[in-house]
Amino acid sequence: MNKRIFCSLILALSFSAFPFQPARAHGEPIIVVEPFVVPLGGQITVTGSEMEPGEVFLITLEGLAGSISLGEVTASGEGEEGGFVAQFTLALDITPGSYTLAATTEDGDSATTDLEITAASENASSAPAEMQEPTGEQHVLDRSKSSIEIIGAVLLIALSVAGGVLLIRSRD
């Protein structure tokens, strides 16, 4: 078999091993929350963009304890670009911690952002973290990857290296 054909097959297999999501014509929905650090009982403003007018989004807080529904919003706008601005007051019985704020449609379209909820106190601030007094508490980021993602990345790298080596050798 010709080496170039073999290399092309290896590269094609490596790219076909990872499914690609179809791109929407107007892009993926985006949400932003302000403030991104809020005390219990505080109010947040959620702004959505890159949405189809008329789409209904369920706004939820996703955390270790499960999902907490905040409400529904409908994107408005003209043409193909829509969005929303909605305010929500956080209940006092939510456990303080790091949450993912999600906006999801019935079709499965979704957008997420991070939200930090602190205990309700007079000292809590909605100012950006760089403007707050340091607490000395360790900040932990969850950057874990599933074993499928790790194996897939290693496989893609190995196939790419093998294809590159074969292409280099075929020049000789």
Protein backbone atom coordinates (compact mmCIF):
# COMPACT_ATOMS: atom_id res chain seq x y z
CA MET A 1 0.00 0.00 0.00
CA ASN A 2 1.24 3.46 -0.79
CA LYS A 3 2.67 5.22 2.29
CA ARG A 4 0.77 8.44 1.58
CA ILE A 5 -2.52 6.60 1.42
CA PHE A 6 -1.66 4.80 4.66
CA CYS A 7 -0.80 8.13 6.37
CA SER A 8 -4.01 9.69 5.11
CA LEU A 9 -6.02 6.79 6.50
CA ILE A 10 -4.33 7.13 9.90
CA LEU A 11 -5.07 10.85 10.03
CA ALA A 12 -8.66 10.33 8.88
CA LEU A 13 -9.20 7.68 11.56
CA SER A 14 -7.72 9.90 14.24
CA PHE A 15 -10.05 12.78 13.35
CA SER A 16 -13.11 10.55 13.00
CA ALA A 17 -12.52 9.10 16.48
CA PHE A 18 -13.88 12.31 18.03
CA PRO A 19 -17.42 13.39 17.21
CA PHE A 20 -17.95 17.01 16.30
CA GLN A 21 -21.07 18.91 17.30
CA PRO A 22 -22.81 20.75 14.50
CA ALA A 23 -22.39 24.51 14.69
CA ARG A 24 -25.53 26.56 14.91
CA ALA A 25 -25.90 29.32 12.36
CA HIS A 26 -26.04 31.99 15.03
CA GLY A 27 -23.51 30.45 17.43
CA GLU A 28 -23.88 28.83 20.81
CA PRO A 29 -25.88 30.50 23.59
CA ILE A 30 -23.81 32.52 26.08
CA ILE A 31 -24.72 33.59 29.61
CA VAL A 32 -22.99 35.95 32.02
CA VAL A 33 -23.81 36.38 35.71
CA GLU A 34 -23.17 39.51 37.77
CA PRO A 35 -21.93 39.54 40.43
CA PHE A 36 -20.07 36.25 40.19
CA VAL A 37 -19.63 36.16 44.00
CA VAL A 38 -22.89 36.70 45.88
CA PRO A 39 -24.08 36.14 49.47
CA LEU A 40 -27.13 34.03 50.31
CA GLY A 41 -30.26 36.11 49.91
CA GLY A 42 -28.43 38.30 47.39
CA GLN A 43 -29.57 39.14 43.91
CA ILE A 44 -27.91 38.11 40.64
CA THR A 45 -28.42 39.41 37.11
CA VAL A 46 -28.16 36.81 34.34
CA THR A 47 -27.60 38.10 30.80
CA GLY A 48 -28.01 35.77 27.83
CA SER A 49 -26.94 36.33 24.23
CA GLU A 50 -26.51 34.44 20.92
CA MET A 51 -30.01 32.98 21.32
CA GLU A 52 -32.96 32.60 19.00
CA PRO A 53 -35.81 34.96 19.87
CA GLY A 54 -38.64 33.03 21.50
CA GLU A 55 -36.43 30.31 23.00
CA VAL A 56 -37.39 29.51 26.58
CA PHE A 57 -34.51 28.84 28.98
CA LEU A 58 -34.73 27.15 32.37
CA ILE A 59 -32.19 28.81 34.71
CA THR A 60 -30.72 26.43 37.31
CA LEU A 61 -27.91 26.24 39.83
CA GLU A 62 -25.97 22.99 39.51
CA GLY A 63 -23.92 21.94 42.55
CA LEU A 64 -22.82 18.94 44.57
CA ALA A 65 -26.22 18.76 46.30
CA GLY A 66 -28.09 18.69 42.98
CA SER A 67 -29.99 21.15 40.84
CA ILE A 68 -31.89 24.21 42.07
CA SER A 69 -34.36 25.84 39.68
CA LEU A 70 -34.33 29.65 39.70
CA GLY A 71 -36.95 30.19 36.99
CA GLU A 72 -37.61 30.46 33.26
CA VAL A 73 -36.79 33.27 30.84
CA THR A 74 -37.64 33.80 27.18
CA ALA A 75 -35.11 35.23 24.74
CA SER A 76 -36.27 38.28 22.85
CA GLY A 77 -34.78 40.27 20.00
CA GLU A 78 -34.94 40.81 16.28
CA GLY A 79 -33.84 38.62 13.40
CA GLU A 80 -31.70 35.65 14.36
CA GLU A 81 -30.02 37.25 17.39
CA GLY A 82 -31.81 37.31 20.70
CA GLY A 83 -31.08 37.30 24.38
CA PHE A 84 -32.42 38.13 27.81
CA VAL A 85 -31.62 39.93 31.05
CA ALA A 86 -33.18 38.45 34.19
CA GLN A 87 -32.74 39.02 37.91
CA PHE A 88 -33.03 36.31 40.55
CA THR A 89 -32.88 36.45 44.35
CA LEU A 90 -31.04 33.52 45.94
CA ALA A 91 -32.87 31.67 48.70
CA LEU A 92 -31.35 31.65 52.18
CA ASP A 93 -31.45 27.83 52.40
CA ILE A 94 -28.91 27.25 49.57
CA THR A 95 -25.63 25.73 50.73
CA PRO A 96 -22.75 28.19 50.22
CA GLY A 97 -20.15 27.05 47.68
CA SER A 98 -19.22 26.95 44.00
CA TYR A 99 -22.04 26.41 41.52
CA THR A 100 -22.55 26.20 37.79
CA LEU A 101 -25.33 28.46 36.61
CA ALA A 102 -27.01 26.85 33.60
CA ALA A 103 -29.54 28.09 31.04
CA THR A 104 -31.10 25.13 29.19
CA THR A 105 -33.82 24.79 26.55
CA GLU A 106 -36.17 21.85 26.01
CA ASP A 107 -34.13 21.01 22.87
CA GLY A 108 -30.99 20.59 24.98
CA ASP A 109 -29.26 23.84 23.98
CA SER A 110 -27.45 25.18 27.00
CA ALA A 111 -25.01 27.76 28.28
CA THR A 112 -23.18 27.74 31.60
CA THR A 113 -21.10 30.00 33.80
CA ASP A 114 -19.64 29.82 37.30
CA LEU A 115 -21.18 31.37 40.41
CA GLU A 116 -19.77 31.49 43.92
CA ILE A 117 -22.32 31.72 46.76
CA THR A 118 -21.04 32.85 50.15
CA ALA A 119 -22.67 32.72 53.57
CA ALA A 120 -25.01 35.60 54.29
CA SER A 121 -23.16 38.13 56.41
CA GLU A 122 -22.43 41.80 56.68
CA ASN A 123 -18.87 41.09 55.48
CA ALA A 124 -19.93 39.42 52.23
CA SER A 125 -19.13 41.47 49.16
CA SER A 126 -20.18 41.30 45.55
CA ALA A 127 -16.99 43.05 44.46
CA PRO A 128 -14.59 41.17 42.17
CA ALA A 129 -12.23 38.82 43.99
CA GLU A 130 -9.15 41.01 43.38
CA MET A 131 -10.86 43.82 45.33
CA GLN A 132 -11.77 41.65 48.34
CA GLU A 133 -9.63 41.05 51.39
CA PRO A 134 -7.76 37.72 51.25
CA THR A 135 -9.21 35.05 53.55
CA GLY A 136 -6.38 32.51 53.47
CA GLU A 137 -8.82 29.81 52.37
CA GLN A 138 -7.56 27.46 49.68
CA HIS A 139 -9.35 27.82 46.35
CA VAL A 140 -9.85 24.49 44.61
CA LEU A 141 -10.61 24.21 40.89
CA ASP A 142 -12.12 21.01 39.59
CA ARG A 143 -10.21 20.27 36.39
CA SER A 144 -10.68 16.54 36.39
CA LYS A 145 -11.13 14.75 33.07
CA SER A 146 -12.90 11.48 32.45
CA SER A 147 -10.83 8.45 31.49
CA ILE A 148 -12.46 8.48 28.03
CA GLU A 149 -11.23 12.04 27.42
CA ILE A 150 -7.70 11.15 28.55
CA ILE A 151 -7.53 7.95 26.47
CA GLY A 152 -8.96 9.80 23.44
CA ALA A 153 -6.38 12.59 23.72
CA VAL A 154 -3.51 10.10 24.06
CA LEU A 155 -4.82 8.10 21.09
CA LEU A 156 -5.13 11.23 18.95
CA ILE A 157 -1.59 12.31 19.84
CA ALA A 158 -0.19 8.84 19.08
CA LEU A 159 -1.96 8.62 15.72
CA SER A 160 -0.84 12.13 14.78
CA VAL A 161 2.78 11.34 15.65
CA ALA A 162 2.64 8.07 13.69
CA GLY A 163 1.15 9.84 10.67
CA GLY A 164 3.77 12.60 10.88
CA VAL A 165 6.65 10.11 11.09
CA LEU A 166 5.33 8.17 8.10
CA LEU A 167 4.94 11.36 6.06
CA ILE A 168 8.50 12.41 6.88
CA ARG A 169 9.87 8.97 5.96
CA SER A 170 7.91 8.89 2.71
CA ARG A 171 9.91 11.89 1.45
CA ASP A 172 13.08 9.76 1.42
